[in-house]
Amino acid sequence: MPTDNATHKKNRLRQYNDIIQNGVVVESPCEYYFSRGLDCVIDLKSRNCTECTRRGRKCSQRFHSNREWDRLERKHQKLANDLKDAKKRWLKYSQKMQTEMSTILRLETQQKWLRKRNDRMRAHNSSVLKQLNKDNPLGPKDLAELDRLADAENARILAATSEDPTLTQIIADADPASSSFWDGLDVSLLGDPSGSNGTVEPAGGSPSGSR
């Protein structure tokens, strides 16, 4: 039968291997590991390290040094500064994104309005031309004049679009007294890009009140 010393040694080796597999490395090593500059792996339950367990010694841990506390404080300070800088960058980026989004919404609103106005103008011209051709067929000179007027109108619309017109300018170019103007107007497109929900009304009140 094995002696008591052999049994204890076998148990210590078993515990030693268990600590290696399941233990954790601590910043404050015991005296044995500290004197050798090695990492100290301890068992969280018994608070003994691997080498002290194998040697059958009580694990004598030292207090954290001022050097360790200073290093920890520097890490905390660096982390706080990095977090502060990251928040500043995020805030600046967020404000820029809000500005760009307002610009996108404004431009999309103007684009939709121009497309609707273009469709109404085309429909109106088509109706007029059909009626004129029916009542009084146009001659070559008349057709040439209509082409000239159409080219001039297209050039004017292109110039106005390139100058980034506001919604107020676009509406001012239309005829608010015309019923077709209000029938084709999508009021939901006239929201204030700055964030308010105001709508644009013609001078003198709503169109329903003028009928």
C-alpha atoms as a PDB file:
ATOM      1  CA  MET A   1       0.000   0.000   0.000  1.00  0.00           C
ATOM      2  CA  PRO A   2       1.251   3.500  -0.764  1.00  0.00           C
ATOM      3  CA  THR A   3       2.437   5.581   2.155  1.00  0.00           C
ATOM      4  CA  ASP A   4       0.597   8.689   3.350  1.00  0.00           C
ATOM      5  CA  ASN A   5       3.245  10.918   1.784  1.00  0.00           C
ATOM      6  CA  ALA A   6       2.824   9.236  -1.574  1.00  0.00           C
ATOM      7  CA  THR A   7      -0.950   9.608  -1.342  1.00  0.00           C
ATOM      8  CA  HIS A   8      -0.680  13.287  -0.464  1.00  0.00           C
ATOM      9  CA  LYS A   9       1.760  13.847  -3.299  1.00  0.00           C
ATOM     10  CA  LYS A  10      -0.582  12.128  -5.732  1.00  0.00           C
ATOM     11  CA  ASN A  11      -3.501  14.267  -4.538  1.00  0.00           C
ATOM     12  CA  ARG A  12      -1.444  17.442  -4.847  1.00  0.00           C
ATOM     13  CA  LEU A  13      -0.467  16.551  -8.418  1.00  0.00           C
ATOM     14  CA  ARG A  14      -4.112  15.899  -9.285  1.00  0.00           C
ATOM     15  CA  GLN A  15      -5.112  19.270  -7.817  1.00  0.00           C
ATOM     16  CA  TYR A  16      -2.135  20.898  -9.557  1.00  0.00           C
ATOM     17  CA  ASN A  17      -3.332  19.654 -12.963  1.00  0.00           C
ATOM     18  CA  ASP A  18      -6.905  20.714 -12.174  1.00  0.00           C
ATOM     19  CA  ILE A  19      -5.770  24.277 -11.362  1.00  0.00           C
ATOM     20  CA  ILE A  20      -3.785  24.466 -14.621  1.00  0.00           C
ATOM     21  CA  GLN A  21      -6.897  23.523 -16.597  1.00  0.00           C
ATOM     22  CA  ASN A  22      -9.505  25.532 -14.666  1.00  0.00           C
ATOM     23  CA  GLY A  23      -7.583  28.219 -12.796  1.00  0.00           C
ATOM     24  CA  VAL A  24      -7.127  31.881 -13.681  1.00  0.00           C
ATOM     25  CA  VAL A  25      -4.056  34.074 -14.043  1.00  0.00           C
ATOM     26  CA  VAL A  26      -3.928  36.840 -11.411  1.00  0.00           C
ATOM     27  CA  GLU A  27      -2.082  40.143 -11.579  1.00  0.00           C
ATOM     28  CA  SER A  28      -0.926  39.814  -7.986  1.00  0.00           C
ATOM     29  CA  PRO A  29       1.182  36.617  -7.925  1.00  0.00           C
ATOM     30  CA  CYS A  30       2.271  34.777  -4.830  1.00  0.00           C
ATOM     31  CA  GLU A  31       5.780  35.273  -3.471  1.00  0.00           C
ATOM     32  CA  TYR A  32       7.092  32.195  -5.279  1.00  0.00           C
ATOM     33  CA  TYR A  33       5.959  33.312  -8.744  1.00  0.00           C
ATOM     34  CA  PHE A  34       6.648  36.987  -8.056  1.00  0.00           C
ATOM     35  CA  SER A  35      10.295  36.306  -7.238  1.00  0.00           C
ATOM     36  CA  ARG A  36      10.652  34.431 -10.544  1.00  0.00           C
ATOM     37  CA  GLY A  37       8.637  36.889 -12.662  1.00  0.00           C
ATOM     38  CA  LEU A  38       6.147  34.217 -13.778  1.00  0.00           C
ATOM     39  CA  ASP A  39       2.362  34.245 -14.174  1.00  0.00           C
ATOM     40  CA  CYS A  40       0.527  32.945 -11.129  1.00  0.00           C
ATOM     41  CA  VAL A  41      -2.415  30.610 -11.842  1.00  0.00           C
ATOM     42  CA  ILE A  42      -4.695  30.075  -8.852  1.00  0.00           C
ATOM     43  CA  ASP A  43      -7.769  28.090  -7.929  1.00  0.00           C
ATOM     44  CA  LEU A  44     -10.620  30.522  -7.177  1.00  0.00           C
ATOM     45  CA  LYS A  45     -12.010  28.201  -4.500  1.00  0.00           C
ATOM     46  CA  SER A  46      -8.902  27.332  -2.515  1.00  0.00           C
ATOM     47  CA  ARG A  47      -6.974  30.506  -3.472  1.00  0.00           C
ATOM     48  CA  ASN A  48      -3.876  28.341  -3.935  1.00  0.00           C
ATOM     49  CA  CYS A  49      -1.670  28.596  -7.015  1.00  0.00           C
ATOM     50  CA  THR A  50      -0.385  25.692  -9.088  1.00  0.00           C
ATOM     51  CA  GLU A  51       3.194  25.627  -7.857  1.00  0.00           C
ATOM     52  CA  CYS A  52       2.358  26.126  -4.192  1.00  0.00           C
ATOM     53  CA  THR A  53      -0.187  23.299  -4.442  1.00  0.00           C
ATOM     54  CA  ARG A  54       2.329  20.969  -6.078  1.00  0.00           C
ATOM     55  CA  ARG A  55       4.957  21.796  -3.465  1.00  0.00           C
ATOM     56  CA  GLY A  56       2.504  21.421  -0.595  1.00  0.00           C
ATOM     57  CA  ARG A  57       3.014  25.001   0.556  1.00  0.00           C
ATOM     58  CA  LYS A  58       0.500  27.639   1.570  1.00  0.00           C
ATOM     59  CA  CYS A  59       0.136  30.227  -1.185  1.00  0.00           C
ATOM     60  CA  SER A  60       1.410  33.532   0.187  1.00  0.00           C
ATOM     61  CA  GLN A  61       0.028  36.370  -1.928  1.00  0.00           C
ATOM     62  CA  ARG A  62       1.296  39.905  -1.718  1.00  0.00           C
ATOM     63  CA  PHE A  63      -0.588  43.214  -1.795  1.00  0.00           C
ATOM     64  CA  HIS A  64      -0.891  45.067  -5.078  1.00  0.00           C
ATOM     65  CA  SER A  65       1.970  47.498  -5.476  1.00  0.00           C
ATOM     66  CA  ASN A  66       1.636  51.226  -6.118  1.00  0.00           C
ATOM     67  CA  ARG A  67       3.039  50.547  -9.546  1.00  0.00           C
ATOM     68  CA  GLU A  68       0.121  48.232 -10.344  1.00  0.00           C
ATOM     69  CA  TRP A  69      -2.409  50.749  -9.030  1.00  0.00           C
ATOM     70  CA  ASP A  70      -0.835  53.514 -11.147  1.00  0.00           C
ATOM     71  CA  ARG A  71      -0.943  51.316 -14.234  1.00  0.00           C
ATOM     72  CA  LEU A  72      -4.597  50.523 -13.598  1.00  0.00           C
ATOM     73  CA  GLU A  73      -5.421  54.219 -13.155  1.00  0.00           C
ATOM     74  CA  ARG A  74      -3.700  55.086 -16.444  1.00  0.00           C
ATOM     75  CA  LYS A  75      -5.746  52.443 -18.224  1.00  0.00           C
ATOM     76  CA  HIS A  76      -8.960  53.837 -16.733  1.00  0.00           C
ATOM     77  CA  GLN A  77      -8.024  57.376 -17.773  1.00  0.00           C
ATOM     78  CA  LYS A  78      -7.128  56.319 -21.313  1.00  0.00           C
ATOM     79  CA  LEU A  79     -10.400  54.448 -21.647  1.00  0.00           C
ATOM     80  CA  ALA A  80     -12.377  57.479 -20.412  1.00  0.00           C
ATOM     81  CA  ASN A  81     -10.600  59.777 -22.903  1.00  0.00           C
ATOM     82  CA  ASP A  82     -11.148  57.364 -25.797  1.00  0.00           C
ATOM     83  CA  LEU A  83     -14.831  57.076 -24.910  1.00  0.00           C
ATOM     84  CA  LYS A  84     -15.194  60.865 -24.751  1.00  0.00           C
ATOM     85  CA  ASP A  85     -13.551  61.302 -28.168  1.00  0.00           C
ATOM     86  CA  ALA A  86     -15.738  58.581 -29.675  1.00  0.00           C
ATOM     87  CA  LYS A  87     -18.896  60.309 -28.397  1.00  0.00           C
ATOM     88  CA  LYS A  88     -17.764  63.625 -29.905  1.00  0.00           C
ATOM     89  CA  ARG A  89     -17.148  61.990 -33.283  1.00  0.00           C
ATOM     90  CA  TRP A  90     -20.523  60.268 -33.153  1.00  0.00           C
ATOM     91  CA  LEU A  91     -22.329  63.537 -32.311  1.00  0.00           C
ATOM     92  CA  LYS A  92     -20.603  65.383 -35.164  1.00  0.00           C
ATOM     93  CA  TYR A  93     -21.419  62.576 -37.589  1.00  0.00           C
ATOM     94  CA  SER A  94     -25.034  62.419 -36.396  1.00  0.00           C
ATOM     95  CA  GLN A  95     -25.546  66.163 -36.920  1.00  0.00           C
ATOM     96  CA  LYS A  96     -24.047  65.955 -40.394  1.00  0.00           C
ATOM     97  CA  MET A  97     -26.314  63.021 -41.264  1.00  0.00           C
ATOM     98  CA  GLN A  98     -29.398  64.962 -40.144  1.00  0.00           C
ATOM     99  CA  THR A  99     -28.393  67.920 -42.313  1.00  0.00           C
ATOM    100  CA  GLU A 100     -27.799  65.712 -45.346  1.00  0.00           C
ATOM    101  CA  MET A 101     -31.092  63.882 -44.800  1.00  0.00           C
ATOM    102  CA  SER A 102     -32.990  67.192 -44.708  1.00  0.00           C
ATOM    103  CA  THR A 103     -31.318  68.173 -47.980  1.00  0.00           C
ATOM    104  CA  ILE A 104     -32.247  64.849 -49.586  1.00  0.00           C
ATOM    105  CA  LEU A 105     -35.899  65.152 -48.514  1.00  0.00           C
ATOM    106  CA  ARG A 106     -36.096  68.722 -49.812  1.00  0.00           C
ATOM    107  CA  LEU A 107     -34.603  67.803 -53.194  1.00  0.00           C
ATOM    108  CA  GLU A 108     -36.848  64.754 -53.556  1.00  0.00           C
ATOM    109  CA  THR A 109     -39.903  66.909 -52.792  1.00  0.00           C
ATOM    110  CA  GLN A 110     -38.893  69.432 -55.453  1.00  0.00           C
ATOM    111  CA  GLN A 111     -38.215  66.641 -57.927  1.00  0.00           C
ATOM    112  CA  LYS A 112     -41.676  65.107 -57.413  1.00  0.00           C
ATOM    113  CA  TRP A 113     -43.292  68.508 -57.803  1.00  0.00           C
ATOM    114  CA  LEU A 114     -41.466  69.205 -61.068  1.00  0.00           C
ATOM    115  CA  ARG A 115     -42.456  65.823 -62.481  1.00  0.00           C
ATOM    116  CA  LYS A 116     -46.124  66.392 -61.654  1.00  0.00           C
ATOM    117  CA  ARG A 117     -46.024  69.852 -63.135  1.00  0.00           C
ATOM    118  CA  ASN A 118     -44.371  68.493 -66.275  1.00  0.00           C
ATOM    119  CA  ASP A 119     -47.096  65.853 -66.653  1.00  0.00           C
ATOM    120  CA  ARG A 120     -49.865  68.454 -66.262  1.00  0.00           C
ATOM    121  CA  MET A 121     -48.247  70.766 -68.824  1.00  0.00           C
ATOM    122  CA  ARG A 122     -47.890  67.936 -71.324  1.00  0.00           C
ATOM    123  CA  ALA A 123     -51.510  66.885 -70.862  1.00  0.00           C
ATOM    124  CA  HIS A 124     -52.684  70.483 -71.249  1.00  0.00           C
ATOM    125  CA  ASN A 125     -50.677  71.075 -74.428  1.00  0.00           C
ATOM    126  CA  SER A 126     -51.845  67.796 -75.907  1.00  0.00           C
ATOM    127  CA  SER A 127     -55.484  68.694 -75.265  1.00  0.00           C
ATOM    128  CA  VAL A 128     -55.064  72.161 -76.789  1.00  0.00           C
ATOM    129  CA  LEU A 129     -53.305  70.828 -79.877  1.00  0.00           C
ATOM    130  CA  LYS A 130     -55.987  68.227 -80.482  1.00  0.00           C
ATOM    131  CA  GLN A 131     -58.700  70.857 -80.295  1.00  0.00           C
ATOM    132  CA  LEU A 132     -56.812  73.270 -82.554  1.00  0.00           C
ATOM    133  CA  ASN A 133     -56.112  70.603 -85.143  1.00  0.00           C
ATOM    134  CA  LYS A 134     -59.753  69.657 -85.108  1.00  0.00           C
ATOM    135  CA  ASP A 135     -61.116  73.192 -85.472  1.00  0.00           C
ATOM    136  CA  ASN A 136     -58.402  74.742 -87.573  1.00  0.00           C
ATOM    137  CA  PRO A 137     -55.607  72.521 -88.872  1.00  0.00           C
ATOM    138  CA  LEU A 138     -52.194  74.131 -88.388  1.00  0.00           C
ATOM    139  CA  GLY A 139     -49.963  75.124 -91.260  1.00  0.00           C
ATOM    140  CA  PRO A 140     -46.178  74.705 -91.444  1.00  0.00           C
ATOM    141  CA  LYS A 141     -45.514  78.151 -89.951  1.00  0.00           C
ATOM    142  CA  ASP A 142     -47.829  77.475 -87.018  1.00  0.00           C
ATOM    143  CA  LEU A 143     -46.170  74.141 -86.296  1.00  0.00           C
ATOM    144  CA  ALA A 144     -42.732  75.758 -86.382  1.00  0.00           C
ATOM    145  CA  GLU A 145     -43.852  78.411 -83.906  1.00  0.00           C
ATOM    146  CA  LEU A 146     -45.218  75.755 -81.537  1.00  0.00           C
ATOM    147  CA  ASP A 147     -41.912  73.899 -81.678  1.00  0.00           C
ATOM    148  CA  ARG A 148     -40.069  77.103 -80.848  1.00  0.00           C
ATOM    149  CA  LEU A 149     -42.307  77.794 -77.863  1.00  0.00           C
ATOM    150  CA  ALA A 150     -41.913  74.223 -76.597  1.00  0.00           C
ATOM    151  CA  ASP A 151     -38.122  74.451 -76.828  1.00  0.00           C
ATOM    152  CA  ALA A 152     -38.137  77.748 -74.954  1.00  0.00           C
ATOM    153  CA  GLU A 153     -40.310  76.322 -72.180  1.00  0.00           C
ATOM    154  CA  ASN A 154     -38.109  73.243 -71.799  1.00  0.00           C
ATOM    155  CA  ALA A 155     -35.021  75.457 -71.583  1.00  0.00           C
ATOM    156  CA  ARG A 156     -36.681  77.612 -68.914  1.00  0.00           C
ATOM    157  CA  ILE A 157     -37.615  74.558 -66.814  1.00  0.00           C
ATOM    158  CA  LEU A 158     -34.100  73.148 -67.122  1.00  0.00           C
ATOM    159  CA  ALA A 159     -32.558  76.451 -66.028  1.00  0.00           C
ATOM    160  CA  ALA A 160     -34.910  76.757 -63.062  1.00  0.00           C
ATOM    161  CA  THR A 161     -34.122  73.207 -61.937  1.00  0.00           C
ATOM    162  CA  SER A 162     -30.363  73.722 -62.178  1.00  0.00           C
ATOM    163  CA  GLU A 163     -30.658  76.793 -59.956  1.00  0.00           C
ATOM    164  CA  ASP A 164     -32.207  74.623 -57.190  1.00  0.00           C
ATOM    165  CA  PRO A 165     -35.597  76.416 -56.917  1.00  0.00           C
ATOM    166  CA  THR A 166     -37.461  76.393 -53.654  1.00  0.00           C
ATOM    167  CA  LEU A 167     -40.984  75.056 -53.370  1.00  0.00           C
ATOM    168  CA  THR A 168     -42.297  78.590 -52.954  1.00  0.00           C
ATOM    169  CA  GLN A 169     -40.748  79.611 -56.287  1.00  0.00           C
ATOM    170  CA  ILE A 170     -42.162  76.543 -58.016  1.00  0.00           C
ATOM    171  CA  ILE A 171     -45.667  77.239 -56.751  1.00  0.00           C
ATOM    172  CA  ALA A 172     -45.359  80.922 -57.650  1.00  0.00           C
ATOM    173  CA  ASP A 173     -44.731  79.940 -61.283  1.00  0.00           C
ATOM    174  CA  ALA A 174     -48.021  78.033 -61.375  1.00  0.00           C
ATOM    175  CA  ASP A 175     -51.543  79.436 -61.476  1.00  0.00           C
ATOM    176  CA  PRO A 176     -53.166  78.956 -58.021  1.00  0.00           C
ATOM    177  CA  ALA A 177     -56.508  80.133 -59.387  1.00  0.00           C
ATOM    178  CA  SER A 178     -56.670  77.125 -61.692  1.00  0.00           C
ATOM    179  CA  SER A 179     -58.640  74.140 -60.387  1.00  0.00           C
ATOM    180  CA  SER A 180     -56.238  71.764 -62.118  1.00  0.00           C
ATOM    181  CA  PHE A 181     -53.411  73.245 -60.038  1.00  0.00           C
ATOM    182  CA  TRP A 182     -55.011  72.231 -56.724  1.00  0.00           C
ATOM    183  CA  ASP A 183     -56.337  68.906 -58.056  1.00  0.00           C
ATOM    184  CA  GLY A 184     -52.808  67.807 -58.897  1.00  0.00           C
ATOM    185  CA  LEU A 185     -51.153  69.221 -55.756  1.00  0.00           C
ATOM    186  CA  ASP A 186     -50.005  66.649 -53.183  1.00  0.00           C
ATOM    187  CA  VAL A 187     -50.057  68.680 -49.957  1.00  0.00           C
ATOM    188  CA  SER A 188     -48.052  66.006 -48.114  1.00  0.00           C
ATOM    189  CA  LEU A 189     -45.047  66.893 -50.258  1.00  0.00           C
ATOM    190  CA  LEU A 190     -44.959  70.451 -48.940  1.00  0.00           C
ATOM    191  CA  GLY A 191     -43.706  69.681 -45.415  1.00  0.00           C
ATOM    192  CA  ASP A 192     -41.040  71.895 -43.975  1.00  0.00           C
ATOM    193  CA  PRO A 193     -37.634  70.118 -44.442  1.00  0.00           C
ATOM    194  CA  SER A 194     -36.484  71.648 -41.134  1.00  0.00           C
ATOM    195  CA  GLY A 195     -38.796  69.265 -39.272  1.00  0.00           C
ATOM    196  CA  SER A 196     -42.137  71.143 -38.868  1.00  0.00           C
ATOM    197  CA  ASN A 197     -45.355  69.845 -40.385  1.00  0.00           C
ATOM    198  CA  GLY A 198     -46.622  73.099 -41.868  1.00  0.00           C
ATOM    199  CA  THR A 199     -48.354  73.212 -45.267  1.00  0.00           C
ATOM    200  CA  VAL A 200     -48.430  75.799 -47.989  1.00  0.00           C
ATOM    201  CA  GLU A 201     -51.754  77.510 -48.691  1.00  0.00           C
ATOM    202  CA  PRO A 202     -52.616  80.007 -51.413  1.00  0.00           C
ATOM    203  CA  ALA A 203     -53.060  83.652 -50.516  1.00  0.00           C
ATOM    204  CA  GLY A 204     -56.555  84.315 -49.205  1.00  0.00           C
ATOM    205  CA  GLY A 205     -57.184  80.924 -47.595  1.00  0.00           C
ATOM    206  CA  SER A 206     -57.623  77.313 -48.721  1.00  0.00           C
ATOM    207  CA  PRO A 207     -58.671  76.460 -52.293  1.00  0.00           C
ATOM    208  CA  SER A 208     -61.940  75.011 -51.040  1.00  0.00           C
ATOM    209  CA  GLY A 209     -62.939  78.395 -49.657  1.00  0.00           C
ATOM    210  CA  SER A 210     -62.486  80.146 -53.001  1.00  0.00           C
ATOM    211  CA  ARG A 211     -64.860  77.904 -54.904  1.00  0.00           C
END
